[in-house]
Amino acid sequence: MEVLARAALTLASFLVVGSLLMLAATKPHSPERTITVISLIGGAVAMAACVALIRLGRRRADPVSKDT
């Protein structure tokens, strides 16, 4: 599961970086700019979800140590 989340994180990072680079190359108020902004938002949401899944997976994998 963690391997899939890391692969998705890599893909989302690629999407965010590509979108940021395309923001400089597109004209304001053009359809290309709209698609770029939507891709940037989608990539950021996907990154946040992947980070949350990775952290949740690590938390579940760590054994709970009880000092009794």
PDB file of N, CA and C in Angstrom:
ATOM      1  N   MET A   1       0.827  -1.196   0.000  1.00  0.00           N
ATOM      2  CA  MET A   1       0.000   0.000   0.000  1.00  0.00           C
ATOM      3  C   MET A   1       0.867   1.254   0.000  1.00  0.00           C
ATOM      4  N   GLU A   2       1.922   1.220   0.810  1.00  0.00           N
ATOM      5  CA  GLU A   2       2.780   2.393   0.893  1.00  0.00           C
ATOM      6  C   GLU A   2       3.509   2.645  -0.425  1.00  0.00           C
ATOM      7  N   VAL A   3       3.827   1.589  -1.151  1.00  0.00           N
ATOM      8  CA  VAL A   3       4.505   1.744  -2.434  1.00  0.00           C
ATOM      9  C   VAL A   3       3.578   2.458  -3.422  1.00  0.00           C
ATOM     10  N   LEU A   4       2.305   2.103  -3.416  1.00  0.00           N
ATOM     11  CA  LEU A   4       1.350   2.768  -4.306  1.00  0.00           C
ATOM     12  C   LEU A   4       1.174   4.234  -3.928  1.00  0.00           C
ATOM     13  N   ALA A   5       1.148   4.521  -2.643  1.00  0.00           N
ATOM     14  CA  ALA A   5       1.003   5.903  -2.200  1.00  0.00           C
ATOM     15  C   ALA A   5       2.228   6.725  -2.594  1.00  0.00           C
ATOM     16  N   ARG A   6       3.400   6.133  -2.488  1.00  0.00           N
ATOM     17  CA  ARG A   6       4.616   6.851  -2.892  1.00  0.00           C
ATOM     18  C   ARG A   6       4.653   7.080  -4.398  1.00  0.00           C
ATOM     19  N   ALA A   7       4.189   6.120  -5.173  1.00  0.00           N
ATOM     20  CA  ALA A   7       4.128   6.303  -6.623  1.00  0.00           C
ATOM     21  C   ALA A   7       3.128   7.406  -6.981  1.00  0.00           C
ATOM     22  N   ALA A   8       1.993   7.420  -6.297  1.00  0.00           N
ATOM     23  CA  ALA A   8       1.010   8.474  -6.533  1.00  0.00           C
ATOM     24  C   ALA A   8       1.557   9.829  -6.113  1.00  0.00           C
ATOM     25  N   LEU A   9       2.344   9.867  -5.038  1.00  0.00           N
ATOM     26  CA  LEU A   9       2.957  11.116  -4.597  1.00  0.00           C
ATOM     27  C   LEU A   9       3.949  11.633  -5.642  1.00  0.00           C
ATOM     28  N   THR A  10       4.705  10.736  -6.236  1.00  0.00           N
ATOM     29  CA  THR A  10       5.634  11.123  -7.293  1.00  0.00           C
ATOM     30  C   THR A  10       4.886  11.685  -8.494  1.00  0.00           C
ATOM     31  N   LEU A  11       3.813  11.038  -8.881  1.00  0.00           N
ATOM     32  CA  LEU A  11       3.008  11.509 -10.005  1.00  0.00           C
ATOM     33  C   LEU A  11       2.367  12.861  -9.704  1.00  0.00           C
ATOM     34  N   ALA A  12       1.862  13.025  -8.496  1.00  0.00           N
ATOM     35  CA  ALA A  12       1.254  14.294  -8.105  1.00  0.00           C
ATOM     36  C   ALA A  12       2.300  15.404  -8.065  1.00  0.00           C
ATOM     37  N   SER A  13       3.497  15.103  -7.606  1.00  0.00           N
ATOM     38  CA  SER A  13       4.573  16.096  -7.587  1.00  0.00           C
ATOM     39  C   SER A  13       4.933  16.528  -9.003  1.00  0.00           C
ATOM     40  N   PHE A  14       4.996  15.578  -9.902  1.00  0.00           N
ATOM     41  CA  PHE A  14       5.264  15.886 -11.310  1.00  0.00           C
ATOM     42  C   PHE A  14       4.178  16.798 -11.880  1.00  0.00           C
ATOM     43  N   LEU A  15       2.941  16.527 -11.527  1.00  0.00           N
ATOM     44  CA  LEU A  15       1.814  17.334 -12.000  1.00  0.00           C
ATOM     45  C   LEU A  15       1.890  18.751 -11.455  1.00  0.00           C
ATOM     46  N   VAL A  16       2.227  18.896 -10.191  1.00  0.00           N
ATOM     47  CA  VAL A  16       2.316  20.225  -9.580  1.00  0.00           C
ATOM     48  C   VAL A  16       3.476  21.020 -10.186  1.00  0.00           C
ATOM     49  N   VAL A  17       4.630  20.407 -10.322  1.00  0.00           N
ATOM     50  CA  VAL A  17       5.781  21.112 -10.885  1.00  0.00           C
ATOM     51  C   VAL A  17       5.520  21.512 -12.332  1.00  0.00           C
ATOM     52  N   GLY A  18       4.941  20.606 -13.103  1.00  0.00           N
ATOM     53  CA  GLY A  18       4.611  20.937 -14.488  1.00  0.00           C
ATOM     54  C   GLY A  18       3.601  22.061 -14.583  1.00  0.00           C
ATOM     55  N   SER A  19       2.622  22.060 -13.707  1.00  0.00           N
ATOM     56  CA  SER A  19       1.606  23.114 -13.706  1.00  0.00           C
ATOM     57  C   SER A  19       2.216  24.460 -13.325  1.00  0.00           C
ATOM     58  N   LEU A  20       3.108  24.447 -12.349  1.00  0.00           N
ATOM     59  CA  LEU A  20       3.762  25.696 -11.951  1.00  0.00           C
ATOM     60  C   LEU A  20       4.597  26.270 -13.087  1.00  0.00           C
ATOM     61  N   LEU A  21       5.282  25.402 -13.815  1.00  0.00           N
ATOM     62  CA  LEU A  21       6.068  25.876 -14.957  1.00  0.00           C
ATOM     63  C   LEU A  21       5.171  26.405 -16.077  1.00  0.00           C
ATOM     64  N   MET A  22       4.029  25.761 -16.276  1.00  0.00           N
ATOM     65  CA  MET A  22       3.120  26.193 -17.340  1.00  0.00           C
ATOM     66  C   MET A  22       2.396  27.501 -17.003  1.00  0.00           C
ATOM     67  N   LEU A  23       2.276  27.823 -15.722  1.00  0.00           N
ATOM     68  CA  LEU A  23       1.632  29.081 -15.348  1.00  0.00           C
ATOM     69  C   LEU A  23       2.377  30.275 -15.935  1.00  0.00           C
ATOM     70  N   ALA A  24       3.695  30.179 -15.983  1.00  0.00           N
ATOM     71  CA  ALA A  24       4.489  31.271 -16.531  1.00  0.00           C
ATOM     72  C   ALA A  24       4.385  31.352 -18.059  1.00  0.00           C
ATOM     73  N   ALA A  25       4.042  30.242 -18.696  1.00  0.00           N
ATOM     74  CA  ALA A  25       4.034  30.200 -20.153  1.00  0.00           C
ATOM     75  C   ALA A  25       2.659  30.463 -20.774  1.00  0.00           C
ATOM     76  N   THR A  26       1.607  30.515 -19.977  1.00  0.00           N
ATOM     77  CA  THR A  26       0.271  30.706 -20.531  1.00  0.00           C
ATOM     78  C   THR A  26      -0.217  32.130 -20.304  1.00  0.00           C
ATOM     79  N   LYS A  27      -1.065  32.573 -21.204  1.00  0.00           N
ATOM     80  CA  LYS A  27      -1.630  33.915 -21.108  1.00  0.00           C
ATOM     81  C   LYS A  27      -2.780  33.929 -20.099  1.00  0.00           C
ATOM     82  N   PRO A  28      -2.908  35.014 -19.345  1.00  0.00           N
ATOM     83  CA  PRO A  28      -4.027  35.115 -18.409  1.00  0.00           C
ATOM     84  C   PRO A  28      -5.379  35.073 -19.133  1.00  0.00           C
ATOM     85  N   HIS A  29      -6.373  34.496 -18.492  1.00  0.00           N
ATOM     86  CA  HIS A  29      -7.746  34.395 -18.992  1.00  0.00           C
ATOM     87  C   HIS A  29      -7.855  33.577 -20.281  1.00  0.00           C
ATOM     88  N   SER A  30      -6.950  32.622 -20.458  1.00  0.00           N
ATOM     89  CA  SER A  30      -7.036  31.737 -21.618  1.00  0.00           C
ATOM     90  C   SER A  30      -7.468  30.352 -21.146  1.00  0.00           C
ATOM     91  N   PRO A  31      -8.015  29.544 -22.049  1.00  0.00           N
ATOM     92  CA  PRO A  31      -8.412  28.185 -21.655  1.00  0.00           C
ATOM     93  C   PRO A  31      -7.234  27.343 -21.163  1.00  0.00           C
ATOM     94  N   GLU A  32      -6.067  27.564 -21.735  1.00  0.00           N
ATOM     95  CA  GLU A  32      -4.883  26.818 -21.300  1.00  0.00           C
ATOM     96  C   GLU A  32      -4.530  27.145 -19.849  1.00  0.00           C
ATOM     97  N   ARG A  33      -4.697  28.409 -19.490  1.00  0.00           N
ATOM     98  CA  ARG A  33      -4.408  28.824 -18.104  1.00  0.00           C
ATOM     99  C   ARG A  33      -5.398  28.175 -17.139  1.00  0.00           C
ATOM    100  N   THR A  34      -6.664  28.087 -17.563  1.00  0.00           N
ATOM    101  CA  THR A  34      -7.686  27.474 -16.720  1.00  0.00           C
ATOM    102  C   THR A  34      -7.359  26.001 -16.460  1.00  0.00           C
ATOM    103  N   ILE A  35      -6.982  25.293 -17.504  1.00  0.00           N
ATOM    104  CA  ILE A  35      -6.614  23.877 -17.364  1.00  0.00           C
ATOM    105  C   ILE A  35      -5.382  23.735 -16.478  1.00  0.00           C
ATOM    106  N   THR A  36      -4.429  24.648 -16.626  1.00  0.00           N
ATOM    107  CA  THR A  36      -3.223  24.611 -15.809  1.00  0.00           C
ATOM    108  C   THR A  36      -3.552  24.814 -14.335  1.00  0.00           C
ATOM    109  N   VAL A  37      -4.428  25.765 -14.035  1.00  0.00           N
ATOM    110  CA  VAL A  37      -4.804  26.016 -12.642  1.00  0.00           C
ATOM    111  C   VAL A  37      -5.564  24.828 -12.069  1.00  0.00           C
ATOM    112  N   ILE A  38      -6.451  24.240 -12.849  1.00  0.00           N
ATOM    113  CA  ILE A  38      -7.188  23.056 -12.393  1.00  0.00           C
ATOM    114  C   ILE A  38      -6.218  21.895 -12.136  1.00  0.00           C
ATOM    115  N   SER A  39      -5.243  21.725 -13.003  1.00  0.00           N
ATOM    116  CA  SER A  39      -4.234  20.676 -12.802  1.00  0.00           C
ATOM    117  C   SER A  39      -3.408  20.935 -11.560  1.00  0.00           C
ATOM    118  N   LEU A  40      -3.087  22.188 -11.312  1.00  0.00           N
ATOM    119  CA  LEU A  40      -2.324  22.540 -10.125  1.00  0.00           C
ATOM    120  C   LEU A  40      -3.110  22.233  -8.852  1.00  0.00           C
ATOM    121  N   ILE A  41      -4.368  22.589  -8.840  1.00  0.00           N
ATOM    122  CA  ILE A  41      -5.214  22.315  -7.678  1.00  0.00           C
ATOM    123  C   ILE A  41      -5.386  20.809  -7.484  1.00  0.00           C
ATOM    124  N   GLY A  42      -5.652  20.097  -8.563  1.00  0.00           N
ATOM    125  CA  GLY A  42      -5.797  18.639  -8.474  1.00  0.00           C
ATOM    126  C   GLY A  42      -4.530  17.960  -7.996  1.00  0.00           C
ATOM    127  N   GLY A  43      -3.382  18.412  -8.478  1.00  0.00           N
ATOM    128  CA  GLY A  43      -2.111  17.847  -8.031  1.00  0.00           C
ATOM    129  C   GLY A  43      -1.848  18.121  -6.565  1.00  0.00           C
ATOM    130  N   ALA A  44      -2.183  19.329  -6.113  1.00  0.00           N
ATOM    131  CA  ALA A  44      -1.987  19.669  -4.704  1.00  0.00           C
ATOM    132  C   ALA A  44      -2.894  18.832  -3.804  1.00  0.00           C
ATOM    133  N   VAL A  45      -4.131  18.626  -4.234  1.00  0.00           N
ATOM    134  CA  VAL A  45      -5.053  17.784  -3.461  1.00  0.00           C
ATOM    135  C   VAL A  45      -4.556  16.336  -3.434  1.00  0.00           C
ATOM    136  N   ALA A  46      -4.082  15.850  -4.563  1.00  0.00           N
ATOM    137  CA  ALA A  46      -3.563  14.484  -4.627  1.00  0.00           C
ATOM    138  C   ALA A  46      -2.325  14.331  -3.750  1.00  0.00           C
ATOM    139  N   MET A  47      -1.460  15.348  -3.724  1.00  0.00           N
ATOM    140  CA  MET A  47      -0.280  15.298  -2.866  1.00  0.00           C
ATOM    141  C   MET A  47      -0.681  15.235  -1.396  1.00  0.00           C
ATOM    142  N   ALA A  48      -1.638  16.056  -1.016  1.00  0.00           N
ATOM    143  CA  ALA A  48      -2.092  16.063   0.382  1.00  0.00           C
ATOM    144  C   ALA A  48      -2.690  14.712   0.765  1.00  0.00           C
ATOM    145  N   ALA A  49      -3.469  14.127  -0.133  1.00  0.00           N
ATOM    146  CA  ALA A  49      -4.068  12.820   0.141  1.00  0.00           C
ATOM    147  C   ALA A  49      -2.994  11.732   0.259  1.00  0.00           C
ATOM    148  N   CYS A  50      -1.991  11.785  -0.600  1.00  0.00           N
ATOM    149  CA  CYS A  50      -0.920  10.790  -0.549  1.00  0.00           C
ATOM    150  C   CYS A  50      -0.115  10.907   0.734  1.00  0.00           C
ATOM    151  N   VAL A  51       0.198  12.128   1.126  1.00  0.00           N
ATOM    152  CA  VAL A  51       0.942  12.321   2.369  1.00  0.00           C
ATOM    153  C   VAL A  51       0.125  11.805   3.551  1.00  0.00           C
ATOM    154  N   ALA A  52      -1.170  12.090   3.545  1.00  0.00           N
ATOM    155  CA  ALA A  52      -2.028  11.604   4.633  1.00  0.00           C
ATOM    156  C   ALA A  52      -2.068  10.074   4.656  1.00  0.00           C
ATOM    157  N   LEU A  53      -2.167   9.448   3.504  1.00  0.00           N
ATOM    158  CA  LEU A  53      -2.187   7.984   3.445  1.00  0.00           C
ATOM    159  C   LEU A  53      -0.869   7.382   3.905  1.00  0.00           C
ATOM    160  N   ILE A  54       0.236   7.986   3.526  1.00  0.00           N
ATOM    161  CA  ILE A  54       1.542   7.475   3.945  1.00  0.00           C
ATOM    162  C   ILE A  54       1.684   7.593   5.457  1.00  0.00           C
ATOM    163  N   ARG A  55       1.304   8.741   6.002  1.00  0.00           N
ATOM    164  CA  ARG A  55       1.417   8.923   7.459  1.00  0.00           C
ATOM    165  C   ARG A  55       0.485   7.979   8.205  1.00  0.00           C
ATOM    166  N   LEU A  56      -0.724   7.791   7.693  1.00  0.00           N
ATOM    167  CA  LEU A  56      -1.669   6.877   8.322  1.00  0.00           C
ATOM    168  C   LEU A  56      -1.140   5.443   8.269  1.00  0.00           C
ATOM    169  N   GLY A  57      -0.567   5.059   7.141  1.00  0.00           N
ATOM    170  CA  GLY A  57      -0.007   3.719   7.006  1.00  0.00           C
ATOM    171  C   GLY A  57       1.151   3.476   7.945  1.00  0.00           C
ATOM    172  N   ARG A  58       1.987   4.482   8.123  1.00  0.00           N
ATOM    173  CA  ARG A  58       3.107   4.328   9.047  1.00  0.00           C
ATOM    174  C   ARG A  58       2.631   4.257  10.489  1.00  0.00           C
ATOM    175  N   ARG A  59       1.609   5.026  10.804  1.00  0.00           N
ATOM    176  CA  ARG A  59       1.081   5.015  12.171  1.00  0.00           C
ATOM    177  C   ARG A  59       0.480   3.650  12.495  1.00  0.00           C
ATOM    178  N   ARG A  60      -0.205   3.044  11.535  1.00  0.00           N
ATOM    179  CA  ARG A  60      -0.810   1.730  11.765  1.00  0.00           C
ATOM    180  C   ARG A  60       0.262   0.639  11.825  1.00  0.00           C
ATOM    181  N   ALA A  61       1.361   0.806  11.108  1.00  0.00           N
ATOM    182  CA  ALA A  61       2.404  -0.221  11.067  1.00  0.00           C
ATOM    183  C   ALA A  61       3.238  -0.226  12.331  1.00  0.00           C
ATOM    184  N   ASP A  62       3.372   0.931  12.986  1.00  0.00           N
ATOM    185  CA  ASP A  62       4.175   0.995  14.207  1.00  0.00           C
ATOM    186  C   ASP A  62       3.433   0.335  15.359  1.00  0.00           C
ATOM    187  N   PRO A  63       4.101  -0.570  16.047  1.00  0.00           N
ATOM    188  CA  PRO A  63       3.441  -1.196  17.205  1.00  0.00           C
ATOM    189  C   PRO A  63       3.304  -0.203  18.343  1.00  0.00           C
ATOM    190  N   VAL A  64       2.231  -0.314  19.043  1.00  0.00           N
ATOM    191  CA  VAL A  64       1.980   0.564  20.188  1.00  0.00           C
ATOM    192  C   VAL A  64       2.728  -0.021  21.389  1.00  0.00           C
ATOM    193  N   SER A  65       3.605   0.772  21.957  1.00  0.00           N
ATOM    194  CA  SER A  65       4.341   0.278  23.116  1.00  0.00           C
ATOM    195  C   SER A  65       3.659   0.772  24.384  1.00  0.00           C
ATOM    196  N   LYS A  66       3.305  -0.175  25.221  1.00  0.00           N
ATOM    197  CA  LYS A  66       2.649   0.160  26.483  1.00  0.00           C
ATOM    198  C   LYS A  66       3.608  -0.165  27.614  1.00  0.00           C
ATOM    199  N   ASP A  67       3.859   0.822  28.432  1.00  0.00           N
ATOM    200  CA  ASP A  67       4.727   0.615  29.589  1.00  0.00           C
ATOM    201  C   ASP A  67       3.877   0.221  30.779  1.00  0.00           C
ATOM    202  N   THR A  68       3.820  -1.074  31.053  1.00  0.00           N
ATOM    203  CA  THR A  68       3.017  -1.555  32.191  1.00  0.00           C
ATOM    204  C   THR A  68       3.884  -2.264  33.182  1.00  0.00           C
TER     205      THR A  68
END
